[in-house]
Amino acid sequence: MDISESMKPQIQSEDPTFVAMYHRHFRHVLAYCGRRLPSSEAADAASDTFLVAWRRFAEMPEGEGERPWLYGVAYRVVSNHRRSAGRRGRLAERLKSNVRAPVTDTAVQVVRGEADREVFEAIAQLDRTDQEVIMLSLWEELPSPDVASALGISEAAVRKRKSRARRRLQRLLQPREGTAVVIPITEAEGEAP
């Protein structure tokens, strides 16, 4: 996997030993992650690996033990990325099969499908942790303490992220000027006109 200089994440550290280790191994760790994850996730996983390495730098063996140790960290990071992707996929499947009263009116089905797509697209624009907070809170109906536990953050952080994400979603989902959505009401859904 060839990396241009512009693709390499910039590292800001005052520890020349860490910086040198990073430059020696980044390309290898990125390739390792790239062989195990979609390319869109590989760079994030490599960055996460070096974040863990920075935090645990004192535990890292020196010399020839560096790269195997980094691969061990990358293995766990990749596993976490895969689990997260699996959870997102399962959640998306559950959301797709969201229980609704059957509607026979094709126009209603089209409008509902478009609305669901817009909601998914808006949620995808949120920070990953904010996405998880919203999905766990609203769709999985977990209380804030459980969301905090699942994500490893404080309850206060959950409340703050939920509030911020709701405001952002509200802005993203506001009807655009000049557009209108007309939803016909069928007899099964309400009173006939």
N, C-alpha and C. Protein backbone atom coordinates (compact mmCIF):
# COMPACT_ATOMS: atom_id res chain seq x y z
N MET A 1 0.86 -1.17 0.00
CA MET A 1 0.00 0.00 0.00
C MET A 1 0.90 1.23 0.00
N ASP A 2 0.86 1.99 -1.07
CA ASP A 2 1.71 3.17 -1.21
C ASP A 2 0.99 4.38 -0.63
N ILE A 3 1.72 5.14 0.16
CA ILE A 3 1.12 6.30 0.82
C ILE A 3 1.84 7.55 0.37
N SER A 4 1.07 8.50 -0.11
CA SER A 4 1.68 9.78 -0.44
C SER A 4 1.89 10.55 0.85
N GLU A 5 2.78 11.50 0.83
CA GLU A 5 3.05 12.29 2.03
C GLU A 5 1.81 13.02 2.52
N SER A 6 0.93 13.43 1.60
CA SER A 6 -0.27 14.15 2.01
C SER A 6 -1.26 13.25 2.74
N MET A 7 -1.19 11.93 2.52
CA MET A 7 -2.10 11.01 3.19
C MET A 7 -1.64 10.67 4.60
N LYS A 8 -0.36 10.83 4.88
CA LYS A 8 0.14 10.48 6.20
C LYS A 8 -0.41 11.45 7.23
N PRO A 9 -0.98 10.93 8.32
CA PRO A 9 -1.44 11.83 9.35
C PRO A 9 -0.24 12.55 9.98
N GLN A 10 -0.46 13.77 10.34
CA GLN A 10 0.60 14.53 10.98
C GLN A 10 0.64 14.17 12.46
N ILE A 11 1.81 14.00 12.98
CA ILE A 11 1.95 13.67 14.39
C ILE A 11 2.54 14.87 15.11
N GLN A 12 1.95 15.19 16.23
CA GLN A 12 2.44 16.31 17.02
C GLN A 12 2.88 15.76 18.37
N SER A 13 4.14 15.56 18.51
CA SER A 13 4.69 15.03 19.74
C SER A 13 6.05 15.66 19.96
N GLU A 14 6.35 15.88 21.21
CA GLU A 14 7.67 16.43 21.54
C GLU A 14 8.64 15.32 21.88
N ASP A 15 8.19 14.09 21.85
CA ASP A 15 9.05 12.96 22.17
C ASP A 15 9.66 12.42 20.88
N PRO A 16 10.93 12.72 20.63
CA PRO A 16 11.55 12.28 19.37
C PRO A 16 11.59 10.76 19.22
N THR A 17 11.63 10.04 20.33
CA THR A 17 11.64 8.58 20.26
C THR A 17 10.32 8.06 19.70
N PHE A 18 9.21 8.64 20.18
CA PHE A 18 7.90 8.23 19.67
C PHE A 18 7.75 8.62 18.21
N VAL A 19 8.16 9.84 17.87
CA VAL A 19 8.04 10.31 16.48
C VAL A 19 8.83 9.39 15.55
N ALA A 20 10.03 9.02 15.94
CA ALA A 20 10.85 8.14 15.11
C ALA A 20 10.19 6.77 14.96
N MET A 21 9.65 6.24 16.07
CA MET A 21 8.96 4.95 16.02
C MET A 21 7.75 5.04 15.10
N TYR A 22 7.00 6.12 15.20
CA TYR A 22 5.82 6.34 14.36
C TYR A 22 6.21 6.32 12.88
N HIS A 23 7.24 7.05 12.53
CA HIS A 23 7.66 7.11 11.13
C HIS A 23 8.21 5.76 10.64
N ARG A 24 8.82 4.99 11.52
CA ARG A 24 9.32 3.66 11.12
C ARG A 24 8.19 2.68 10.83
N HIS A 25 7.08 2.81 11.56
CA HIS A 25 6.08 1.75 11.52
C HIS A 25 4.72 2.14 10.94
N PHE A 26 4.47 3.42 10.71
CA PHE A 26 3.14 3.83 10.26
C PHE A 26 2.71 3.09 9.00
N ARG A 27 3.57 3.07 8.01
CA ARG A 27 3.23 2.44 6.72
C ARG A 27 2.86 0.96 6.92
N HIS A 28 3.58 0.26 7.79
CA HIS A 28 3.32 -1.16 8.04
C HIS A 28 1.98 -1.35 8.76
N VAL A 29 1.73 -0.51 9.75
CA VAL A 29 0.47 -0.62 10.50
C VAL A 29 -0.71 -0.28 9.59
N LEU A 30 -0.56 0.74 8.75
CA LEU A 30 -1.63 1.10 7.82
C LEU A 30 -1.91 -0.05 6.85
N ALA A 31 -0.86 -0.67 6.34
CA ALA A 31 -1.04 -1.81 5.43
C ALA A 31 -1.73 -2.97 6.15
N TYR A 32 -1.31 -3.23 7.39
CA TYR A 32 -1.94 -4.28 8.21
C TYR A 32 -3.44 -4.02 8.33
N CYS A 33 -3.81 -2.79 8.69
CA CYS A 33 -5.22 -2.43 8.84
C CYS A 33 -5.94 -2.49 7.50
N GLY A 34 -5.26 -2.06 6.43
CA GLY A 34 -5.86 -2.05 5.10
C GLY A 34 -6.16 -3.43 4.56
N ARG A 35 -5.43 -4.44 5.01
CA ARG A 35 -5.70 -5.81 4.57
C ARG A 35 -6.87 -6.43 5.34
N ARG A 36 -7.29 -5.78 6.41
CA ARG A 36 -8.32 -6.36 7.26
C ARG A 36 -9.62 -5.56 7.30
N LEU A 37 -9.57 -4.33 6.83
CA LEU A 37 -10.74 -3.45 6.88
C LEU A 37 -10.94 -2.79 5.53
N PRO A 38 -12.14 -2.29 5.27
CA PRO A 38 -12.34 -1.48 4.06
C PRO A 38 -11.39 -0.28 4.09
N SER A 39 -10.96 0.15 2.92
CA SER A 39 -9.98 1.24 2.86
C SER A 39 -10.47 2.50 3.56
N SER A 40 -11.79 2.70 3.59
CA SER A 40 -12.33 3.89 4.24
C SER A 40 -12.12 3.86 5.75
N GLU A 41 -11.87 2.68 6.32
CA GLU A 41 -11.68 2.56 7.77
C GLU A 41 -10.22 2.31 8.16
N ALA A 42 -9.39 1.93 7.21
CA ALA A 42 -8.02 1.53 7.53
C ALA A 42 -7.21 2.66 8.14
N ALA A 43 -7.31 3.86 7.59
CA ALA A 43 -6.53 4.98 8.13
C ALA A 43 -6.97 5.32 9.54
N ASP A 44 -8.28 5.26 9.81
CA ASP A 44 -8.76 5.51 11.17
C ASP A 44 -8.22 4.47 12.14
N ALA A 45 -8.22 3.21 11.71
CA ALA A 45 -7.72 2.15 12.58
C ALA A 45 -6.22 2.32 12.84
N ALA A 46 -5.46 2.70 11.82
CA ALA A 46 -4.03 2.93 12.01
C ALA A 46 -3.81 4.09 12.98
N SER A 47 -4.57 5.15 12.82
CA SER A 47 -4.45 6.30 13.74
C SER A 47 -4.81 5.89 15.16
N ASP A 48 -5.88 5.10 15.30
CA ASP A 48 -6.28 4.63 16.63
C ASP A 48 -5.18 3.78 17.25
N THR A 49 -4.51 2.99 16.42
CA THR A 49 -3.42 2.15 16.91
C THR A 49 -2.30 3.00 17.50
N PHE A 50 -1.95 4.08 16.81
CA PHE A 50 -0.88 4.93 17.32
C PHE A 50 -1.33 5.78 18.51
N LEU A 51 -2.60 6.04 18.61
CA LEU A 51 -3.11 6.72 19.80
C LEU A 51 -2.93 5.82 21.02
N VAL A 52 -3.27 4.54 20.87
CA VAL A 52 -3.05 3.59 21.96
C VAL A 52 -1.56 3.48 22.25
N ALA A 53 -0.75 3.43 21.20
CA ALA A 53 0.70 3.33 21.39
C ALA A 53 1.23 4.54 22.15
N TRP A 54 0.71 5.71 21.87
CA TRP A 54 1.14 6.92 22.58
C TRP A 54 0.79 6.80 24.06
N ARG A 55 -0.41 6.34 24.34
CA ARG A 55 -0.86 6.22 25.73
C ARG A 55 -0.07 5.15 26.48
N ARG A 56 0.33 4.11 25.77
CA ARG A 56 1.01 2.99 26.43
C ARG A 56 2.47 2.89 26.00
N PHE A 57 3.04 4.01 25.61
CA PHE A 57 4.40 4.02 25.05
C PHE A 57 5.42 3.42 26.01
N ALA A 58 5.23 3.64 27.30
CA ALA A 58 6.17 3.11 28.29
C ALA A 58 6.17 1.58 28.31
N GLU A 59 5.07 0.95 27.87
CA GLU A 59 4.96 -0.51 27.87
C GLU A 59 5.51 -1.14 26.60
N MET A 60 5.76 -0.33 25.58
CA MET A 60 6.19 -0.85 24.29
C MET A 60 7.62 -1.38 24.37
N PRO A 61 7.84 -2.61 23.88
CA PRO A 61 9.21 -3.11 23.85
C PRO A 61 10.04 -2.32 22.84
N GLU A 62 11.30 -2.23 23.08
CA GLU A 62 12.17 -1.48 22.17
C GLU A 62 12.73 -2.40 21.10
N GLY A 63 13.23 -1.78 20.06
CA GLY A 63 13.91 -2.53 19.00
C GLY A 63 12.97 -3.36 18.17
N GLU A 64 13.36 -4.63 17.95
CA GLU A 64 12.59 -5.49 17.06
C GLU A 64 11.23 -5.88 17.62
N GLY A 65 10.97 -5.62 18.87
CA GLY A 65 9.67 -5.94 19.46
C GLY A 65 8.61 -4.89 19.20
N GLU A 66 9.03 -3.74 18.64
CA GLU A 66 8.06 -2.66 18.43
C GLU A 66 6.94 -3.05 17.47
N ARG A 67 7.32 -3.52 16.27
CA ARG A 67 6.30 -3.79 15.26
C ARG A 67 5.35 -4.90 15.69
N PRO A 68 5.82 -6.02 16.22
CA PRO A 68 4.86 -7.04 16.68
C PRO A 68 3.92 -6.49 17.76
N TRP A 69 4.45 -5.66 18.65
CA TRP A 69 3.61 -5.06 19.69
C TRP A 69 2.55 -4.17 19.04
N LEU A 70 2.96 -3.37 18.07
CA LEU A 70 2.01 -2.51 17.35
C LEU A 70 0.97 -3.35 16.61
N TYR A 71 1.39 -4.48 16.02
CA TYR A 71 0.43 -5.35 15.35
C TYR A 71 -0.58 -5.92 16.35
N GLY A 72 -0.13 -6.21 17.56
CA GLY A 72 -1.06 -6.68 18.59
C GLY A 72 -2.09 -5.61 18.93
N VAL A 73 -1.63 -4.37 19.04
CA VAL A 73 -2.55 -3.26 19.29
C VAL A 73 -3.49 -3.10 18.10
N ALA A 74 -2.94 -3.15 16.90
CA ALA A 74 -3.75 -2.99 15.69
C ALA A 74 -4.78 -4.12 15.58
N TYR A 75 -4.41 -5.32 15.98
CA TYR A 75 -5.35 -6.45 15.96
C TYR A 75 -6.58 -6.12 16.80
N ARG A 76 -6.35 -5.60 18.00
CA ARG A 76 -7.48 -5.26 18.89
C ARG A 76 -8.27 -4.08 18.34
N VAL A 77 -7.59 -3.10 17.77
CA VAL A 77 -8.27 -1.94 17.18
C VAL A 77 -9.13 -2.39 16.00
N VAL A 78 -8.59 -3.23 15.13
CA VAL A 78 -9.34 -3.74 13.98
C VAL A 78 -10.55 -4.54 14.46
N SER A 79 -10.37 -5.34 15.50
CA SER A 79 -11.50 -6.10 16.05
C SER A 79 -12.59 -5.16 16.54
N ASN A 80 -12.20 -4.08 17.19
CA ASN A 80 -13.18 -3.10 17.65
C ASN A 80 -13.90 -2.45 16.48
N HIS A 81 -13.16 -2.13 15.42
CA HIS A 81 -13.78 -1.53 14.23
C HIS A 81 -14.79 -2.51 13.61
N ARG A 82 -14.41 -3.78 13.53
CA ARG A 82 -15.31 -4.78 12.96
C ARG A 82 -16.58 -4.94 13.80
N ARG A 83 -16.39 -4.99 15.12
CA ARG A 83 -17.57 -5.10 16.00
C ARG A 83 -18.48 -3.90 15.83
N SER A 84 -17.88 -2.71 15.76
CA SER A 84 -18.68 -1.49 15.56
C SER A 84 -19.43 -1.55 14.24
N ALA A 85 -18.75 -1.98 13.19
CA ALA A 85 -19.40 -2.08 11.87
C ALA A 85 -20.53 -3.10 11.92
N GLY A 86 -20.32 -4.20 12.62
CA GLY A 86 -21.37 -5.21 12.76
C GLY A 86 -22.57 -4.67 13.50
N ARG A 87 -22.31 -3.92 14.58
CA ARG A 87 -23.42 -3.32 15.34
C ARG A 87 -24.18 -2.33 14.48
N ARG A 88 -23.44 -1.50 13.73
CA ARG A 88 -24.12 -0.53 12.85
C ARG A 88 -24.95 -1.25 11.80
N GLY A 89 -24.41 -2.33 11.24
CA GLY A 89 -25.15 -3.09 10.23
C GLY A 89 -26.40 -3.72 10.80
N ARG A 90 -26.27 -4.32 11.99
CA ARG A 90 -27.45 -4.93 12.62
C ARG A 90 -28.49 -3.87 12.96
N LEU A 91 -28.03 -2.73 13.44
CA LEU A 91 -28.97 -1.65 13.76
C LEU A 91 -29.67 -1.17 12.50
N ALA A 92 -28.92 -1.02 11.42
CA ALA A 92 -29.53 -0.58 10.16
C ALA A 92 -30.58 -1.58 9.69
N GLU A 93 -30.29 -2.87 9.83
CA GLU A 93 -31.27 -3.90 9.44
C GLU A 93 -32.52 -3.81 10.30
N ARG A 94 -32.33 -3.62 11.61
CA ARG A 94 -33.50 -3.49 12.49
C ARG A 94 -34.31 -2.26 12.13
N LEU A 95 -33.61 -1.18 11.80
CA LEU A 95 -34.32 0.04 11.45
C LEU A 95 -35.08 -0.13 10.14
N LYS A 96 -34.48 -0.84 9.20
CA LYS A 96 -35.15 -1.08 7.92
C LYS A 96 -36.43 -1.88 8.11
N SER A 97 -36.38 -2.79 9.06
CA SER A 97 -37.56 -3.63 9.28
C SER A 97 -38.42 -3.08 10.41
N ASN A 98 -38.28 -1.78 10.64
CA ASN A 98 -39.06 -1.12 11.69
C ASN A 98 -40.54 -1.44 11.48
N VAL A 99 -41.17 -1.87 12.55
CA VAL A 99 -42.56 -2.29 12.46
C VAL A 99 -43.45 -1.08 12.22
N ARG A 100 -44.21 -1.16 11.16
CA ARG A 100 -45.19 -0.13 10.81
C ARG A 100 -46.44 -0.82 10.33
N ALA A 101 -47.52 -0.13 10.47
CA ALA A 101 -48.77 -0.66 9.93
C ALA A 101 -48.63 -0.77 8.42
N PRO A 102 -49.08 -1.87 7.84
CA PRO A 102 -48.96 -2.00 6.39
C PRO A 102 -49.74 -0.90 5.67
N VAL A 103 -49.11 -0.35 4.68
CA VAL A 103 -49.74 0.72 3.90
C VAL A 103 -49.82 0.25 2.46
N THR A 104 -50.99 0.35 1.90
CA THR A 104 -51.15 -0.09 0.52
C THR A 104 -51.00 1.05 -0.47
N ASP A 105 -51.10 2.28 0.01
CA ASP A 105 -50.99 3.44 -0.86
C ASP A 105 -49.52 3.64 -1.24
N THR A 106 -49.21 3.48 -2.52
CA THR A 106 -47.83 3.59 -3.00
C THR A 106 -47.23 4.95 -2.71
N ALA A 107 -48.00 6.01 -2.83
CA ALA A 107 -47.49 7.36 -2.57
C ALA A 107 -47.03 7.48 -1.12
N VAL A 108 -47.78 6.91 -0.19
CA VAL A 108 -47.40 6.96 1.22
C VAL A 108 -46.11 6.18 1.43
N GLN A 109 -45.98 5.01 0.80
CA GLN A 109 -44.77 4.21 0.93
C GLN A 109 -43.56 4.96 0.40
N VAL A 110 -43.70 5.63 -0.71
CA VAL A 110 -42.58 6.39 -1.30
C VAL A 110 -42.16 7.51 -0.38
N VAL A 111 -43.12 8.27 0.16
CA VAL A 111 -42.80 9.39 1.04
C VAL A 111 -42.13 8.89 2.31
N ARG A 112 -42.64 7.80 2.89
CA ARG A 112 -42.03 7.26 4.11
C ARG A 112 -40.62 6.77 3.84
N GLY A 113 -40.41 6.09 2.72
CA GLY A 113 -39.07 5.61 2.38
C GLY A 113 -38.09 6.75 2.21
N GLU A 114 -38.53 7.83 1.58
CA GLU A 114 -37.69 9.01 1.39
C GLU A 114 -37.36 9.65 2.74
N ALA A 115 -38.34 9.71 3.63
CA ALA A 115 -38.11 10.30 4.96
C ALA A 115 -37.09 9.47 5.73
N ASP A 116 -37.21 8.13 5.68
CA ASP A 116 -36.25 7.26 6.36
C ASP A 116 -34.85 7.49 5.81
N ARG A 117 -34.74 7.57 4.49
CA ARG A 117 -33.43 7.79 3.86
C ARG A 117 -32.83 9.11 4.32
N GLU A 118 -33.65 10.16 4.39
CA GLU A 118 -33.15 11.46 4.83
C GLU A 118 -32.67 11.41 6.27
N VAL A 119 -33.39 10.69 7.12
CA VAL A 119 -32.97 10.56 8.53
C VAL A 119 -31.64 9.83 8.61
N PHE A 120 -31.49 8.71 7.88
CA PHE A 120 -30.23 7.97 7.89
C PHE A 120 -29.08 8.84 7.39
N GLU A 121 -29.31 9.60 6.33
CA GLU A 121 -28.26 10.47 5.79
C GLU A 121 -27.89 11.55 6.79
N ALA A 122 -28.87 12.11 7.48
CA ALA A 122 -28.59 13.15 8.48
C ALA A 122 -27.79 12.57 9.64
N ILE A 123 -28.16 11.40 10.10
CA ILE A 123 -27.43 10.77 11.20
C ILE A 123 -26.00 10.46 10.78
N ALA A 124 -25.81 10.06 9.54
CA ALA A 124 -24.46 9.74 9.05
C ALA A 124 -23.54 10.96 9.06
N GLN A 125 -24.11 12.16 9.09
CA GLN A 125 -23.30 13.38 9.12
C GLN A 125 -22.82 13.73 10.53
N LEU A 126 -23.34 13.04 11.54
CA LEU A 126 -22.93 13.31 12.91
C LEU A 126 -21.59 12.64 13.21
N ASP A 127 -20.92 13.13 14.23
CA ASP A 127 -19.73 12.48 14.77
C ASP A 127 -20.11 11.04 15.13
N ARG A 128 -19.17 10.10 15.00
CA ARG A 128 -19.48 8.68 15.25
C ARG A 128 -20.04 8.44 16.65
N THR A 129 -19.45 9.09 17.65
CA THR A 129 -19.96 8.89 19.01
C THR A 129 -21.36 9.47 19.14
N ASP A 130 -21.60 10.63 18.52
CA ASP A 130 -22.95 11.21 18.55
C ASP A 130 -23.94 10.29 17.85
N GLN A 131 -23.52 9.64 16.76
CA GLN A 131 -24.39 8.68 16.07
C GLN A 131 -24.79 7.57 17.04
N GLU A 132 -23.79 7.04 17.73
CA GLU A 132 -24.07 5.94 18.66
C GLU A 132 -24.97 6.40 19.80
N VAL A 133 -24.73 7.60 20.33
CA VAL A 133 -25.57 8.12 21.41
C VAL A 133 -27.02 8.21 20.95
N ILE A 134 -27.23 8.77 19.77
CA ILE A 134 -28.60 8.91 19.24
C ILE A 134 -29.23 7.54 19.00
N MET A 135 -28.50 6.64 18.37
CA MET A 135 -29.07 5.34 18.06
C MET A 135 -29.37 4.53 19.32
N LEU A 136 -28.44 4.55 20.27
CA LEU A 136 -28.67 3.80 21.50
C LEU A 136 -29.79 4.42 22.33
N SER A 137 -29.85 5.74 22.37
CA SER A 137 -30.86 6.43 23.19
C SER A 137 -32.25 6.33 22.58
N LEU A 138 -32.35 6.66 21.31
CA LEU A 138 -33.67 6.78 20.70
C LEU A 138 -34.18 5.48 20.09
N TRP A 139 -33.33 4.77 19.35
CA TRP A 139 -33.82 3.56 18.70
C TRP A 139 -33.73 2.35 19.61
N GLU A 140 -32.67 2.25 20.37
CA GLU A 140 -32.53 1.12 21.28
C GLU A 140 -33.21 1.40 22.62
N GLU A 141 -33.62 2.65 22.82
CA GLU A 141 -34.33 3.09 24.02
C GLU A 141 -33.57 2.79 25.31
N LEU A 142 -32.25 2.96 25.25
CA LEU A 142 -31.44 2.78 26.45
C LEU A 142 -31.44 4.07 27.25
N PRO A 143 -31.51 3.98 28.57
CA PRO A 143 -31.39 5.19 29.40
C PRO A 143 -29.95 5.70 29.37
N SER A 144 -29.78 6.96 29.71
CA SER A 144 -28.44 7.58 29.65
C SER A 144 -27.37 6.81 30.41
N PRO A 145 -27.64 6.27 31.62
CA PRO A 145 -26.58 5.52 32.30
C PRO A 145 -26.11 4.30 31.49
N ASP A 146 -27.04 3.63 30.81
CA ASP A 146 -26.66 2.47 30.00
C ASP A 146 -25.90 2.88 28.74
N VAL A 147 -26.30 3.99 28.14
CA VAL A 147 -25.58 4.51 26.97
C VAL A 147 -24.15 4.86 27.39
N ALA A 148 -24.02 5.54 28.55
CA ALA A 148 -22.70 5.92 29.05
C ALA A 148 -21.83 4.68 29.26
N SER A 149 -22.42 3.65 29.84
CA SER A 149 -21.67 2.41 30.08
C SER A 149 -21.27 1.75 28.76
N ALA A 150 -22.17 1.70 27.81
CA ALA A 150 -21.88 1.06 26.52
C ALA A 150 -20.76 1.77 25.77
N LEU A 151 -20.72 3.09 25.88
CA LEU A 151 -19.73 3.87 25.13
C LEU A 151 -18.49 4.23 25.94
N GLY A 152 -18.52 3.94 27.23
CA GLY A 152 -17.37 4.26 28.07
C GLY A 152 -17.19 5.75 28.29
N ILE A 153 -18.30 6.49 28.36
CA ILE A 153 -18.24 7.93 28.63
C ILE A 153 -19.15 8.24 29.80
N SER A 154 -19.08 9.45 30.32
CA SER A 154 -19.90 9.82 31.48
C SER A 154 -21.34 10.09 31.07
N GLU A 155 -22.24 10.03 32.05
CA GLU A 155 -23.65 10.35 31.78
C GLU A 155 -23.79 11.79 31.31
N ALA A 156 -23.00 12.69 31.91
CA ALA A 156 -23.05 14.10 31.49
C ALA A 156 -22.66 14.23 30.02
N ALA A 157 -21.65 13.48 29.60
CA ALA A 157 -21.24 13.52 28.19
C ALA A 157 -22.34 12.98 27.29
N VAL A 158 -23.05 11.95 27.75
CA VAL A 158 -24.16 11.40 26.97
C VAL A 158 -25.24 12.47 26.80
N ARG A 159 -25.61 13.13 27.89
CA ARG A 159 -26.66 14.16 27.81
C ARG A 159 -26.23 15.29 26.89
N LYS A 160 -24.98 15.72 27.02
CA LYS A 160 -24.49 16.82 26.18
C LYS A 160 -24.47 16.41 24.71
N ARG A 161 -23.96 15.21 24.42
CA ARG A 161 -23.89 14.74 23.04
C ARG A 161 -25.29 14.55 22.46
N LYS A 162 -26.22 14.03 23.27
CA LYS A 162 -27.58 13.82 22.79
C LYS A 162 -28.23 15.16 22.44
N SER A 163 -28.06 16.14 23.30
CA SER A 163 -28.64 17.46 23.06
C SER A 163 -28.05 18.09 21.80
N ARG A 164 -26.73 18.04 21.67
CA ARG A 164 -26.06 18.60 20.50
C ARG A 164 -26.48 17.88 19.22
N ALA A 165 -26.56 16.56 19.28
CA ALA A 165 -26.92 15.78 18.10
C ALA A 165 -28.37 16.05 17.70
N ARG A 166 -29.26 16.18 18.66
CA ARG A 166 -30.66 16.49 18.33
C ARG A 166 -30.77 17.84 17.64
N ARG A 167 -30.05 18.84 18.16
CA ARG A 167 -30.09 20.17 17.52
C ARG A 167 -29.57 20.08 16.09
N ARG A 168 -28.48 19.37 15.90
CA ARG A 168 -27.90 19.25 14.56
C ARG A 168 -28.85 18.50 13.63
N LEU A 169 -29.44 17.43 14.11
CA LEU A 169 -30.40 16.69 13.30
C LEU A 169 -31.60 17.55 12.93
N GLN A 170 -32.04 18.34 13.89
CA GLN A 170 -33.18 19.23 13.62
C GLN A 170 -32.84 20.19 12.48
N ARG A 171 -31.62 20.75 12.52
CA ARG A 171 -31.21 21.66 11.44
C ARG A 171 -31.10 20.91 10.11
N LEU A 172 -30.53 19.72 10.15
CA LEU A 172 -30.33 18.95 8.92
C LEU A 172 -31.64 18.47 8.31
N LEU A 173 -32.63 18.26 9.13
CA LEU A 173 -33.89 17.70 8.64
C LEU A 173 -34.98 18.73 8.40
N GLN A 174 -34.66 20.01 8.61
CA GLN A 174 -35.66 21.05 8.34
C GLN A 174 -35.97 21.07 6.85
N PRO A 175 -37.26 21.23 6.52
CA PRO A 175 -37.60 21.30 5.09
C PRO A 175 -36.87 22.46 4.42
N ARG A 176 -36.40 22.21 3.23
CA ARG A 176 -35.72 23.27 2.48
C ARG A 176 -36.77 24.20 1.89
N GLU A 177 -36.39 25.46 1.76
CA GLU A 177 -37.31 26.45 1.22
C GLU A 177 -37.76 26.04 -0.18
N GLY A 178 -39.05 26.15 -0.41
CA GLY A 178 -39.58 25.81 -1.72
C GLY A 178 -39.95 24.35 -1.88
N THR A 179 -39.80 23.55 -0.81
CA THR A 179 -40.19 22.15 -0.91
C THR A 179 -41.36 21.90 0.01
N ALA A 180 -42.18 21.01 -0.38
CA ALA A 180 -43.32 20.63 0.45
C ALA A 180 -43.54 19.14 0.29
N VAL A 181 -43.93 18.52 1.37
CA VAL A 181 -44.22 17.10 1.34
C VAL A 181 -45.70 16.94 1.59
N VAL A 182 -46.37 16.29 0.69
CA VAL A 182 -47.79 16.03 0.84
C VAL A 182 -47.96 14.55 1.09
N ILE A 183 -48.55 14.22 2.21
CA ILE A 183 -48.76 12.82 2.55
C ILE A 183 -50.26 12.54 2.52
N PRO A 184 -50.71 11.78 1.54
CA PRO A 184 -52.13 11.46 1.49
C PRO A 184 -52.50 10.55 2.65
N ILE A 185 -53.66 10.78 3.21
CA ILE A 185 -54.13 9.96 4.32
C ILE A 185 -55.11 8.94 3.77
N THR A 186 -54.83 7.67 4.04
CA THR A 186 -55.73 6.62 3.59
C THR A 186 -56.74 6.34 4.69
N GLU A 187 -57.80 5.65 4.35
CA GLU A 187 -58.82 5.33 5.34
C GLU A 187 -58.23 4.50 6.47
N ALA A 188 -57.25 3.66 6.17
CA ALA A 188 -56.64 2.82 7.20
C ALA A 188 -55.83 3.64 8.18
N GLU A 189 -55.33 4.81 7.76
CA GLU A 189 -54.49 5.63 8.61
C GLU A 189 -55.25 6.73 9.34
N GLY A 190 -56.39 7.07 8.89
CA GLY A 190 -57.12 8.17 9.52
C GLY A 190 -58.44 8.37 8.82
N GLU A 191 -59.03 9.47 9.06
CA GLU A 191 -60.33 9.75 8.47
C GLU A 191 -60.19 10.02 6.98
N ALA A 192 -61.15 9.56 6.26
CA ALA A 192 -61.15 9.79 4.81
C ALA A 192 -61.50 11.24 4.54
N PRO A 193 -60.93 11.85 3.51
CA PRO A 193 -61.22 13.25 3.22
C PRO A 193 -62.66 13.47 2.84
